[in-house]
Amino acid sequence: MTAILNRATRPDMLNVNSDAKSKPPARAMAWHRTPWFEAVQFLVLMALLLLLVLKGANSMGYDWKWEKVPRYIYRVIDGELIWGPLMKGLFVTLDIALWAGLIAMGIGLVTALLRMSGSIVGSAISWVYIEVIRNTPILVQMLIFYFIIAAVLGIPRQWAGILCLAFYEGAFAAEIIRGGIVAVRKGQREAAQSLGFSGYDMYRDIILPQAVPIMLPPLGGIIVNLVKHSSIVSVIAVFDLTTQARTVVSDTFMAFEIWLTAAAMYLVVTVTLSIGVSWLERRYRTA
């Protein structure tokens, strides 16, 4: 249906073959822009950063104890795998990011549609919500949500953190979704209305399928940010990865080893999410 509407609203597509023939052939990718060379650059940069950290620690006379780190990740006792505090904290972080991400996408979609609805009340509510959330620190929001809103409504500690993160990221998601919808050509809406599509069917079958590829990269950034921003729940004593790492450091005084390990665990999750979003983006573009 989208292809038919594109053809109906783009009469200049009739000359696409002649235009394609007149285009010059694409140049081969330069060697310094190939994926393998960029990967080597990344690895070299990480090695330099690690060398800098090690040199700084050695200059302080720090006594490295990497051999003790694995026990805080996992242990095998009598053939049974037992997760350590860092892995337990990572599971909580992933759980928080998952639920907060799903709720944030729903909040963002509803807010974006309200802002574009033409309703004075709906537009005002969505505008106030977006401006207040985006222009106040997330730490302040977390403390207000936990000590006031969650206390009044009886919301559990972890869900207070999830909802606060969802409303925070939902404000950014709303603007991304609105931008993606606005980017769809006006002729698409006019063609759908002329064919008798209802508002719901128009958004479901025509507008959103074209807007999703536009929205995917920035929305993927929001999901990655959720994993990183989830560390803010440590201020309300939710036992996520950051809280567990802080507890282990206070018990063992292995600050460098534990914090570097926690940073590596965050990095693995965020890089994996970034790769997944890139794959989805390529799939939508080639579909």
C-alpha atoms as a PDB file:
ATOM      1  CA  MET A   1       0.000   0.000   0.000  1.00  0.00           C
ATOM      2  CA  THR A   2       2.849   2.385   0.809  1.00  0.00           C
ATOM      3  CA  ALA A   3       4.442   1.736  -2.581  1.00  0.00           C
ATOM      4  CA  ILE A   4       1.140   2.513  -4.330  1.00  0.00           C
ATOM      5  CA  LEU A   5       0.776   5.765  -2.413  1.00  0.00           C
ATOM      6  CA  ASN A   6       4.363   6.706  -3.196  1.00  0.00           C
ATOM      7  CA  ARG A   7       3.719   6.127  -6.892  1.00  0.00           C
ATOM      8  CA  ALA A   8       0.471   8.063  -6.758  1.00  0.00           C
ATOM      9  CA  THR A   9       1.949  11.092  -5.039  1.00  0.00           C
ATOM     10  CA  ARG A  10       5.307  11.143  -6.862  1.00  0.00           C
ATOM     11  CA  PRO A  11       4.699  11.622 -10.591  1.00  0.00           C
ATOM     12  CA  ASP A  12       8.395  12.347 -11.097  1.00  0.00           C
ATOM     13  CA  MET A  13       9.093   8.669 -10.398  1.00  0.00           C
ATOM     14  CA  LEU A  14       8.220   7.943 -14.029  1.00  0.00           C
ATOM     15  CA  ASN A  15      11.696   9.110 -15.067  1.00  0.00           C
ATOM     16  CA  VAL A  16      13.559   7.091 -12.433  1.00  0.00           C
ATOM     17  CA  ASN A  17      15.286   4.840 -14.985  1.00  0.00           C
ATOM     18  CA  SER A  18      16.658   7.704 -17.023  1.00  0.00           C
ATOM     19  CA  ASP A  19      17.838   9.453 -13.861  1.00  0.00           C
ATOM     20  CA  ALA A  20      19.558   6.296 -12.645  1.00  0.00           C
ATOM     21  CA  LYS A  21      21.415   5.914 -15.928  1.00  0.00           C
ATOM     22  CA  SER A  22      22.680   9.461 -15.788  1.00  0.00           C
ATOM     23  CA  LYS A  23      24.190   9.074 -12.303  1.00  0.00           C
ATOM     24  CA  PRO A  24      27.949   8.515 -12.139  1.00  0.00           C
ATOM     25  CA  PRO A  25      29.147   5.175 -10.729  1.00  0.00           C
ATOM     26  CA  ALA A  26      29.764   5.124  -6.981  1.00  0.00           C
ATOM     27  CA  ARG A  27      33.399   5.271  -5.901  1.00  0.00           C
ATOM     28  CA  ALA A  28      34.957   2.440  -4.001  1.00  0.00           C
ATOM     29  CA  MET A  29      35.179   2.903  -0.244  1.00  0.00           C
ATOM     30  CA  ALA A  30      38.505   4.347   0.860  1.00  0.00           C
ATOM     31  CA  TRP A  31      40.673   1.894   2.809  1.00  0.00           C
ATOM     32  CA  HIS A  32      40.726   4.138   5.866  1.00  0.00           C
ATOM     33  CA  ARG A  33      36.906   4.007   6.022  1.00  0.00           C
ATOM     34  CA  THR A  34      36.544   0.243   5.927  1.00  0.00           C
ATOM     35  CA  PRO A  35      34.962  -1.469   8.950  1.00  0.00           C
ATOM     36  CA  TRP A  36      38.113  -3.433   9.797  1.00  0.00           C
ATOM     37  CA  PHE A  37      40.242  -0.290   9.930  1.00  0.00           C
ATOM     38  CA  GLU A  38      37.690   1.449  12.164  1.00  0.00           C
ATOM     39  CA  ALA A  39      37.683  -1.614  14.424  1.00  0.00           C
ATOM     40  CA  VAL A  40      41.481  -1.458  14.670  1.00  0.00           C
ATOM     41  CA  GLN A  41      41.257   2.249  15.547  1.00  0.00           C
ATOM     42  CA  PHE A  42      38.770   1.469  18.322  1.00  0.00           C
ATOM     43  CA  LEU A  43      40.931  -1.306  19.755  1.00  0.00           C
ATOM     44  CA  VAL A  44      44.029   0.909  19.687  1.00  0.00           C
ATOM     45  CA  LEU A  45      42.135   3.682  21.484  1.00  0.00           C
ATOM     46  CA  MET A  46      40.888   1.263  24.154  1.00  0.00           C
ATOM     47  CA  ALA A  47      44.401  -0.131  24.608  1.00  0.00           C
ATOM     48  CA  LEU A  48      45.799   3.371  25.077  1.00  0.00           C
ATOM     49  CA  LEU A  49      43.121   4.219  27.643  1.00  0.00           C
ATOM     50  CA  LEU A  50      43.791   0.992  29.530  1.00  0.00           C
ATOM     51  CA  LEU A  51      47.534   1.681  29.446  1.00  0.00           C
ATOM     52  CA  LEU A  52      46.905   5.158  30.837  1.00  0.00           C
ATOM     53  CA  VAL A  53      44.814   3.758  33.698  1.00  0.00           C
ATOM     54  CA  LEU A  54      47.411   1.100  34.517  1.00  0.00           C
ATOM     55  CA  LYS A  55      50.241   3.624  34.433  1.00  0.00           C
ATOM     56  CA  GLY A  56      48.339   5.970  36.758  1.00  0.00           C
ATOM     57  CA  ALA A  57      47.607   3.150  39.192  1.00  0.00           C
ATOM     58  CA  ASN A  58      51.201   1.944  39.151  1.00  0.00           C
ATOM     59  CA  SER A  59      52.451   5.463  39.835  1.00  0.00           C
ATOM     60  CA  MET A  60      50.384   5.405  43.046  1.00  0.00           C
ATOM     61  CA  GLY A  61      51.847   2.081  44.059  1.00  0.00           C
ATOM     62  CA  TYR A  62      48.483   0.346  43.718  1.00  0.00           C
ATOM     63  CA  ASP A  63      48.444  -3.388  44.420  1.00  0.00           C
ATOM     64  CA  TRP A  64      46.361  -5.049  41.705  1.00  0.00           C
ATOM     65  CA  LYS A  65      44.187  -7.988  42.761  1.00  0.00           C
ATOM     66  CA  TRP A  66      42.553  -9.088  39.506  1.00  0.00           C
ATOM     67  CA  GLU A  67      42.653 -12.723  40.610  1.00  0.00           C
ATOM     68  CA  LYS A  68      39.964 -11.943  43.212  1.00  0.00           C
ATOM     69  CA  VAL A  69      37.537 -10.313  40.766  1.00  0.00           C
ATOM     70  CA  PRO A  70      35.962 -13.484  39.229  1.00  0.00           C
ATOM     71  CA  ARG A  71      34.462 -14.539  42.562  1.00  0.00           C
ATOM     72  CA  TYR A  72      32.310 -11.405  42.495  1.00  0.00           C
ATOM     73  CA  ILE A  73      31.033 -12.342  39.038  1.00  0.00           C
ATOM     74  CA  TYR A  74      30.411 -16.072  39.428  1.00  0.00           C
ATOM     75  CA  ARG A  75      31.499 -19.099  41.402  1.00  0.00           C
ATOM     76  CA  VAL A  76      31.133 -22.831  40.865  1.00  0.00           C
ATOM     77  CA  ILE A  77      30.447 -24.732  44.080  1.00  0.00           C
ATOM     78  CA  ASP A  78      29.904 -28.515  43.936  1.00  0.00           C
ATOM     79  CA  GLY A  79      29.283 -28.254  40.202  1.00  0.00           C
ATOM     80  CA  GLU A  80      26.603 -25.571  40.659  1.00  0.00           C
ATOM     81  CA  LEU A  81      26.966 -22.143  39.094  1.00  0.00           C
ATOM     82  CA  ILE A  82      26.325 -19.339  41.586  1.00  0.00           C
ATOM     83  CA  TRP A  83      26.201 -15.750  40.377  1.00  0.00           C
ATOM     84  CA  GLY A  84      28.210 -13.177  42.253  1.00  0.00           C
ATOM     85  CA  PRO A  85      26.961  -9.737  43.326  1.00  0.00           C
ATOM     86  CA  LEU A  86      28.114  -8.019  40.118  1.00  0.00           C
ATOM     87  CA  MET A  87      26.140 -10.394  37.886  1.00  0.00           C
ATOM     88  CA  LYS A  88      23.103 -10.146  40.156  1.00  0.00           C
ATOM     89  CA  GLY A  89      23.347  -6.370  39.877  1.00  0.00           C
ATOM     90  CA  LEU A  90      23.625  -6.629  36.079  1.00  0.00           C
ATOM     91  CA  PHE A  91      20.440  -8.710  35.953  1.00  0.00           C
ATOM     92  CA  VAL A  92      18.627  -6.013  37.946  1.00  0.00           C
ATOM     93  CA  THR A  93      20.013  -3.332  35.609  1.00  0.00           C
ATOM     94  CA  LEU A  94      18.771  -5.215  32.538  1.00  0.00           C
ATOM     95  CA  ASP A  95      15.359  -5.752  34.133  1.00  0.00           C
ATOM     96  CA  ILE A  96      15.071  -2.042  34.919  1.00  0.00           C
ATOM     97  CA  ALA A  97      16.192  -1.042  31.410  1.00  0.00           C
ATOM     98  CA  LEU A  98      13.763  -3.484  29.760  1.00  0.00           C
ATOM     99  CA  TRP A  99      10.647  -2.362  31.605  1.00  0.00           C
ATOM    100  CA  ALA A 100      11.601   1.308  31.564  1.00  0.00           C
ATOM    101  CA  GLY A 101      12.282   1.109  27.811  1.00  0.00           C
ATOM    102  CA  LEU A 102       8.917  -0.481  27.016  1.00  0.00           C
ATOM    103  CA  ILE A 103       7.018   2.018  29.161  1.00  0.00           C
ATOM    104  CA  ALA A 104       9.050   4.947  27.776  1.00  0.00           C
ATOM    105  CA  MET A 105       8.171   3.996  24.179  1.00  0.00           C
ATOM    106  CA  GLY A 106       4.478   3.874  25.086  1.00  0.00           C
ATOM    107  CA  ILE A 107       4.651   7.213  26.903  1.00  0.00           C
ATOM    108  CA  GLY A 108       6.566   8.748  23.993  1.00  0.00           C
ATOM    109  CA  LEU A 109       4.052   7.552  21.394  1.00  0.00           C
ATOM    110  CA  VAL A 110       1.036   8.782  23.364  1.00  0.00           C
ATOM    111  CA  THR A 111       2.693  12.135  24.116  1.00  0.00           C
ATOM    112  CA  ALA A 112       3.714  12.642  20.474  1.00  0.00           C
ATOM    113  CA  LEU A 113       0.189  11.905  19.235  1.00  0.00           C
ATOM    114  CA  LEU A 114      -1.307  14.217  21.864  1.00  0.00           C
ATOM    115  CA  ARG A 115       0.992  17.036  20.820  1.00  0.00           C
ATOM    116  CA  MET A 116      -0.012  16.568  17.172  1.00  0.00           C
ATOM    117  CA  SER A 117      -3.702  15.983  17.874  1.00  0.00           C
ATOM    118  CA  GLY A 118      -4.774  19.613  17.546  1.00  0.00           C
ATOM    119  CA  SER A 119      -6.431  19.465  20.972  1.00  0.00           C
ATOM    120  CA  ILE A 120      -5.533  22.501  23.064  1.00  0.00           C
ATOM    121  CA  VAL A 121      -5.642  20.548  26.332  1.00  0.00           C
ATOM    122  CA  GLY A 122      -3.724  17.552  24.951  1.00  0.00           C
ATOM    123  CA  SER A 123      -1.078  19.728  23.326  1.00  0.00           C
ATOM    124  CA  ALA A 124      -0.661  21.812  26.498  1.00  0.00           C
ATOM    125  CA  ILE A 125      -0.297  18.760  28.751  1.00  0.00           C
ATOM    126  CA  SER A 126       2.233  17.114  26.449  1.00  0.00           C
ATOM    127  CA  TRP A 127       4.213  20.355  26.044  1.00  0.00           C
ATOM    128  CA  VAL A 128       4.393  20.969  29.816  1.00  0.00           C
ATOM    129  CA  TYR A 129       5.419  17.361  30.461  1.00  0.00           C
ATOM    130  CA  ILE A 130       8.194  17.431  27.842  1.00  0.00           C
ATOM    131  CA  GLU A 131       9.594  20.796  28.909  1.00  0.00           C
ATOM    132  CA  VAL A 132       9.540  20.021  32.640  1.00  0.00           C
ATOM    133  CA  ILE A 133      11.172  16.616  32.264  1.00  0.00           C
ATOM    134  CA  ARG A 134      13.818  17.668  29.756  1.00  0.00           C
ATOM    135  CA  ASN A 135      14.857  20.765  31.697  1.00  0.00           C
ATOM    136  CA  THR A 136      15.265  19.315  35.195  1.00  0.00           C
ATOM    137  CA  PRO A 137      18.035  16.957  36.402  1.00  0.00           C
ATOM    138  CA  ILE A 138      17.187  13.265  36.501  1.00  0.00           C
ATOM    139  CA  LEU A 139      18.628  12.994  40.023  1.00  0.00           C
ATOM    140  CA  VAL A 140      16.141  15.582  41.300  1.00  0.00           C
ATOM    141  CA  GLN A 141      13.312  13.773  39.496  1.00  0.00           C
ATOM    142  CA  MET A 142      14.326  10.455  41.026  1.00  0.00           C
ATOM    143  CA  LEU A 143      14.359  11.848  44.566  1.00  0.00           C
ATOM    144  CA  ILE A 144      11.006  13.612  44.122  1.00  0.00           C
ATOM    145  CA  PHE A 145       9.433  10.526  42.556  1.00  0.00           C
ATOM    146  CA  TYR A 146      10.688   8.162  45.258  1.00  0.00           C
ATOM    147  CA  PHE A 147      10.258  10.236  48.412  1.00  0.00           C
ATOM    148  CA  ILE A 148       6.975  11.913  47.423  1.00  0.00           C
ATOM    149  CA  ILE A 149       5.038  10.231  44.612  1.00  0.00           C
ATOM    150  CA  ALA A 150       6.037   6.623  45.352  1.00  0.00           C
ATOM    151  CA  ALA A 151       5.578   7.132  49.092  1.00  0.00           C
ATOM    152  CA  VAL A 152       2.053   8.485  48.612  1.00  0.00           C
ATOM    153  CA  LEU A 153       0.993   5.826  46.081  1.00  0.00           C
ATOM    154  CA  GLY A 154       2.820   2.939  47.784  1.00  0.00           C
ATOM    155  CA  ILE A 155       4.977   2.091  44.755  1.00  0.00           C
ATOM    156  CA  PRO A 156       7.804  -0.411  45.476  1.00  0.00           C
ATOM    157  CA  ARG A 157      11.372   0.862  45.414  1.00  0.00           C
ATOM    158  CA  GLN A 158      12.459  -0.796  42.151  1.00  0.00           C
ATOM    159  CA  TRP A 159       9.290   0.179  40.303  1.00  0.00           C
ATOM    160  CA  ALA A 160       9.719   3.747  41.486  1.00  0.00           C
ATOM    161  CA  GLY A 161      13.076   3.767  39.720  1.00  0.00           C
ATOM    162  CA  ILE A 162      11.632   2.116  36.604  1.00  0.00           C
ATOM    163  CA  LEU A 163       8.754   4.585  36.297  1.00  0.00           C
ATOM    164  CA  CYS A 164      10.961   7.604  36.916  1.00  0.00           C
ATOM    165  CA  LEU A 165      13.375   6.476  34.195  1.00  0.00           C
ATOM    166  CA  ALA A 166      10.468   5.717  31.848  1.00  0.00           C
ATOM    167  CA  PHE A 167       8.950   9.182  32.245  1.00  0.00           C
ATOM    168  CA  TYR A 168      12.381  10.787  31.841  1.00  0.00           C
ATOM    169  CA  GLU A 169      13.275   8.961  28.623  1.00  0.00           C
ATOM    170  CA  GLY A 170       9.664   9.113  27.415  1.00  0.00           C
ATOM    171  CA  ALA A 171       9.940  12.891  27.052  1.00  0.00           C
ATOM    172  CA  PHE A 172      12.868  12.497  24.652  1.00  0.00           C
ATOM    173  CA  ALA A 173      11.181   9.603  22.855  1.00  0.00           C
ATOM    174  CA  ALA A 174       8.095  11.770  22.292  1.00  0.00           C
ATOM    175  CA  GLU A 175      10.069  14.385  20.377  1.00  0.00           C
ATOM    176  CA  ILE A 176      11.850  11.708  18.334  1.00  0.00           C
ATOM    177  CA  ILE A 177       8.560  10.022  17.419  1.00  0.00           C
ATOM    178  CA  ARG A 178       6.940  13.349  16.574  1.00  0.00           C
ATOM    179  CA  GLY A 179       9.886  14.270  14.367  1.00  0.00           C
ATOM    180  CA  GLY A 180       9.692  10.924  12.569  1.00  0.00           C
ATOM    181  CA  ILE A 181       5.958  11.304  11.926  1.00  0.00           C
ATOM    182  CA  VAL A 182       6.345  14.878  10.694  1.00  0.00           C
ATOM    183  CA  ALA A 183       9.121  13.735   8.331  1.00  0.00           C
ATOM    184  CA  VAL A 184       6.640  11.583   6.376  1.00  0.00           C
ATOM    185  CA  ARG A 185       5.499  13.556   3.316  1.00  0.00           C
ATOM    186  CA  LYS A 186       2.176  15.350   3.585  1.00  0.00           C
ATOM    187  CA  GLY A 187       1.047  13.753   0.333  1.00  0.00           C
ATOM    188  CA  GLN A 188       0.993  10.375   2.052  1.00  0.00           C
ATOM    189  CA  ARG A 189      -1.670  11.578   4.474  1.00  0.00           C
ATOM    190  CA  GLU A 190      -3.678  13.234   1.741  1.00  0.00           C
ATOM    191  CA  ALA A 191      -3.595  10.091  -0.405  1.00  0.00           C
ATOM    192  CA  ALA A 192      -4.645   7.917   2.550  1.00  0.00           C
ATOM    193  CA  GLN A 193      -7.542  10.230   3.379  1.00  0.00           C
ATOM    194  CA  SER A 194      -8.654  10.272  -0.251  1.00  0.00           C
ATOM    195  CA  LEU A 195      -8.734   6.453  -0.191  1.00  0.00           C
ATOM    196  CA  GLY A 196     -10.968   6.489   2.892  1.00  0.00           C
ATOM    197  CA  PHE A 197      -8.476   5.406   5.541  1.00  0.00           C
ATOM    198  CA  SER A 198      -9.433   6.132   9.125  1.00  0.00           C
ATOM    199  CA  GLY A 199      -6.953   7.962  11.334  1.00  0.00           C
ATOM    200  CA  TYR A 200      -5.961   4.748  13.124  1.00  0.00           C
ATOM    201  CA  ASP A 201      -5.512   2.767   9.903  1.00  0.00           C
ATOM    202  CA  MET A 202      -3.581   5.622   8.308  1.00  0.00           C
ATOM    203  CA  TYR A 203      -1.044   5.724  11.141  1.00  0.00           C
ATOM    204  CA  ARG A 204      -0.825   1.930  11.447  1.00  0.00           C
ATOM    205  CA  ASP A 205      -0.477   1.049   7.758  1.00  0.00           C
ATOM    206  CA  ILE A 206       1.066   4.144   6.154  1.00  0.00           C
ATOM    207  CA  ILE A 207       2.570   6.764   8.473  1.00  0.00           C
ATOM    208  CA  LEU A 208       4.316   4.686  11.154  1.00  0.00           C
ATOM    209  CA  PRO A 209       5.870   2.096   8.771  1.00  0.00           C
ATOM    210  CA  GLN A 210       7.581   4.988   6.953  1.00  0.00           C
ATOM    211  CA  ALA A 211       8.479   6.838  10.152  1.00  0.00           C
ATOM    212  CA  VAL A 212      10.026   3.862  11.967  1.00  0.00           C
ATOM    213  CA  PRO A 213      13.272   3.753   9.904  1.00  0.00           C
ATOM    214  CA  ILE A 214      13.723   7.472  10.601  1.00  0.00           C
ATOM    215  CA  MET A 215      13.121   7.038  14.326  1.00  0.00           C
ATOM    216  CA  LEU A 216      15.187   3.882  14.878  1.00  0.00           C
ATOM    217  CA  PRO A 217      18.685   5.417  15.325  1.00  0.00           C
ATOM    218  CA  PRO A 218      17.691   8.047  17.926  1.00  0.00           C
ATOM    219  CA  LEU A 219      15.323   5.628  19.684  1.00  0.00           C
ATOM    220  CA  GLY A 220      18.170   3.135  19.856  1.00  0.00           C
ATOM    221  CA  GLY A 221      20.212   5.848  21.522  1.00  0.00           C
ATOM    222  CA  ILE A 222      17.473   6.204  24.131  1.00  0.00           C
ATOM    223  CA  ILE A 223      17.600   2.477  24.923  1.00  0.00           C
ATOM    224  CA  VAL A 224      21.376   2.656  25.297  1.00  0.00           C
ATOM    225  CA  ASN A 225      21.004   5.706  27.532  1.00  0.00           C
ATOM    226  CA  LEU A 226      18.489   3.819  29.662  1.00  0.00           C
ATOM    227  CA  VAL A 227      21.094   1.203  30.507  1.00  0.00           C
ATOM    228  CA  LYS A 228      23.556   3.916  31.528  1.00  0.00           C
ATOM    229  CA  HIS A 229      21.004   6.120  33.295  1.00  0.00           C
ATOM    230  CA  SER A 230      19.718   3.118  35.256  1.00  0.00           C
ATOM    231  CA  SER A 231      22.703   3.589  37.568  1.00  0.00           C
ATOM    232  CA  ILE A 232      20.822   6.565  39.059  1.00  0.00           C
ATOM    233  CA  VAL A 233      18.566   4.117  40.935  1.00  0.00           C
ATOM    234  CA  SER A 234      21.512   3.462  43.238  1.00  0.00           C
ATOM    235  CA  VAL A 235      20.582   6.668  45.100  1.00  0.00           C
ATOM    236  CA  ILE A 236      17.359   4.993  46.265  1.00  0.00           C
ATOM    237  CA  ALA A 237      19.173   1.777  47.266  1.00  0.00           C
ATOM    238  CA  VAL A 238      18.042  -0.418  44.378  1.00  0.00           C
ATOM    239  CA  PHE A 239      20.638  -3.189  44.056  1.00  0.00           C
ATOM    240  CA  ASP A 240      21.619  -2.642  40.435  1.00  0.00           C
ATOM    241  CA  LEU A 241      25.128  -3.079  39.028  1.00  0.00           C
ATOM    242  CA  THR A 242      26.363   0.287  40.323  1.00  0.00           C
ATOM    243  CA  THR A 243      25.062  -0.328  43.844  1.00  0.00           C
ATOM    244  CA  GLN A 244      26.547  -3.820  43.964  1.00  0.00           C
ATOM    245  CA  ALA A 245      29.895  -2.515  42.686  1.00  0.00           C
ATOM    246  CA  ARG A 246      29.928   0.198  45.347  1.00  0.00           C
ATOM    247  CA  THR A 247      29.196  -2.407  48.037  1.00  0.00           C
ATOM    248  CA  VAL A 248      31.989  -4.694  46.831  1.00  0.00           C
ATOM    249  CA  VAL A 249      34.460  -1.799  46.711  1.00  0.00           C
ATOM    250  CA  SER A 250      33.587  -0.775  50.274  1.00  0.00           C
ATOM    251  CA  ASP A 251      34.135  -4.372  51.457  1.00  0.00           C
ATOM    252  CA  THR A 252      37.343  -5.137  49.538  1.00  0.00           C
ATOM    253  CA  PHE A 253      38.904  -1.729  48.737  1.00  0.00           C
ATOM    254  CA  MET A 254      39.546  -2.997  45.179  1.00  0.00           C
ATOM    255  CA  ALA A 255      38.325   0.249  43.614  1.00  0.00           C
ATOM    256  CA  PHE A 256      40.145   0.043  40.274  1.00  0.00           C
ATOM    257  CA  GLU A 257      39.405  -3.635  39.606  1.00  0.00           C
ATOM    258  CA  ILE A 258      35.711  -3.528  40.506  1.00  0.00           C
ATOM    259  CA  TRP A 259      34.862  -0.240  38.802  1.00  0.00           C
ATOM    260  CA  LEU A 260      36.746  -1.218  35.627  1.00  0.00           C
ATOM    261  CA  THR A 261      34.904  -4.549  35.624  1.00  0.00           C
ATOM    262  CA  ALA A 262      31.544  -2.817  36.105  1.00  0.00           C
ATOM    263  CA  ALA A 263      32.369  -0.387  33.293  1.00  0.00           C
ATOM    264  CA  ALA A 264      33.255  -3.312  31.008  1.00  0.00           C
ATOM    265  CA  MET A 265      29.922  -5.002  31.809  1.00  0.00           C
ATOM    266  CA  TYR A 266      28.022  -1.814  30.973  1.00  0.00           C
ATOM    267  CA  LEU A 267      30.059  -1.483  27.770  1.00  0.00           C
ATOM    268  CA  VAL A 268      29.250  -5.032  26.630  1.00  0.00           C
ATOM    269  CA  VAL A 269      25.521  -4.419  27.085  1.00  0.00           C
ATOM    270  CA  THR A 270      25.450  -1.017  25.372  1.00  0.00           C
ATOM    271  CA  VAL A 271      27.608  -2.124  22.418  1.00  0.00           C
ATOM    272  CA  THR A 272      25.391  -5.192  21.938  1.00  0.00           C
ATOM    273  CA  LEU A 273      22.304  -2.967  21.920  1.00  0.00           C
ATOM    274  CA  SER A 274      23.921  -0.576  19.449  1.00  0.00           C
ATOM    275  CA  ILE A 275      24.737  -3.460  17.091  1.00  0.00           C
ATOM    276  CA  GLY A 276      21.164  -4.734  17.356  1.00  0.00           C
ATOM    277  CA  VAL A 277      19.715  -1.312  16.558  1.00  0.00           C
ATOM    278  CA  SER A 278      22.049  -0.961  13.556  1.00  0.00           C
ATOM    279  CA  TRP A 279      20.892  -4.354  12.281  1.00  0.00           C
ATOM    280  CA  LEU A 280      17.237  -3.366  12.625  1.00  0.00           C
ATOM    281  CA  GLU A 281      17.913  -0.084  10.832  1.00  0.00           C
ATOM    282  CA  ARG A 282      19.553  -1.850   7.871  1.00  0.00           C
ATOM    283  CA  ARG A 283      16.722  -4.380   7.728  1.00  0.00           C
ATOM    284  CA  TYR A 284      14.037  -1.660   7.597  1.00  0.00           C
ATOM    285  CA  ARG A 285      15.928   0.275   4.915  1.00  0.00           C
ATOM    286  CA  THR A 286      16.294  -2.777   2.676  1.00  0.00           C
ATOM    287  CA  ALA A 287      12.726  -3.997   3.246  1.00  0.00           C
END
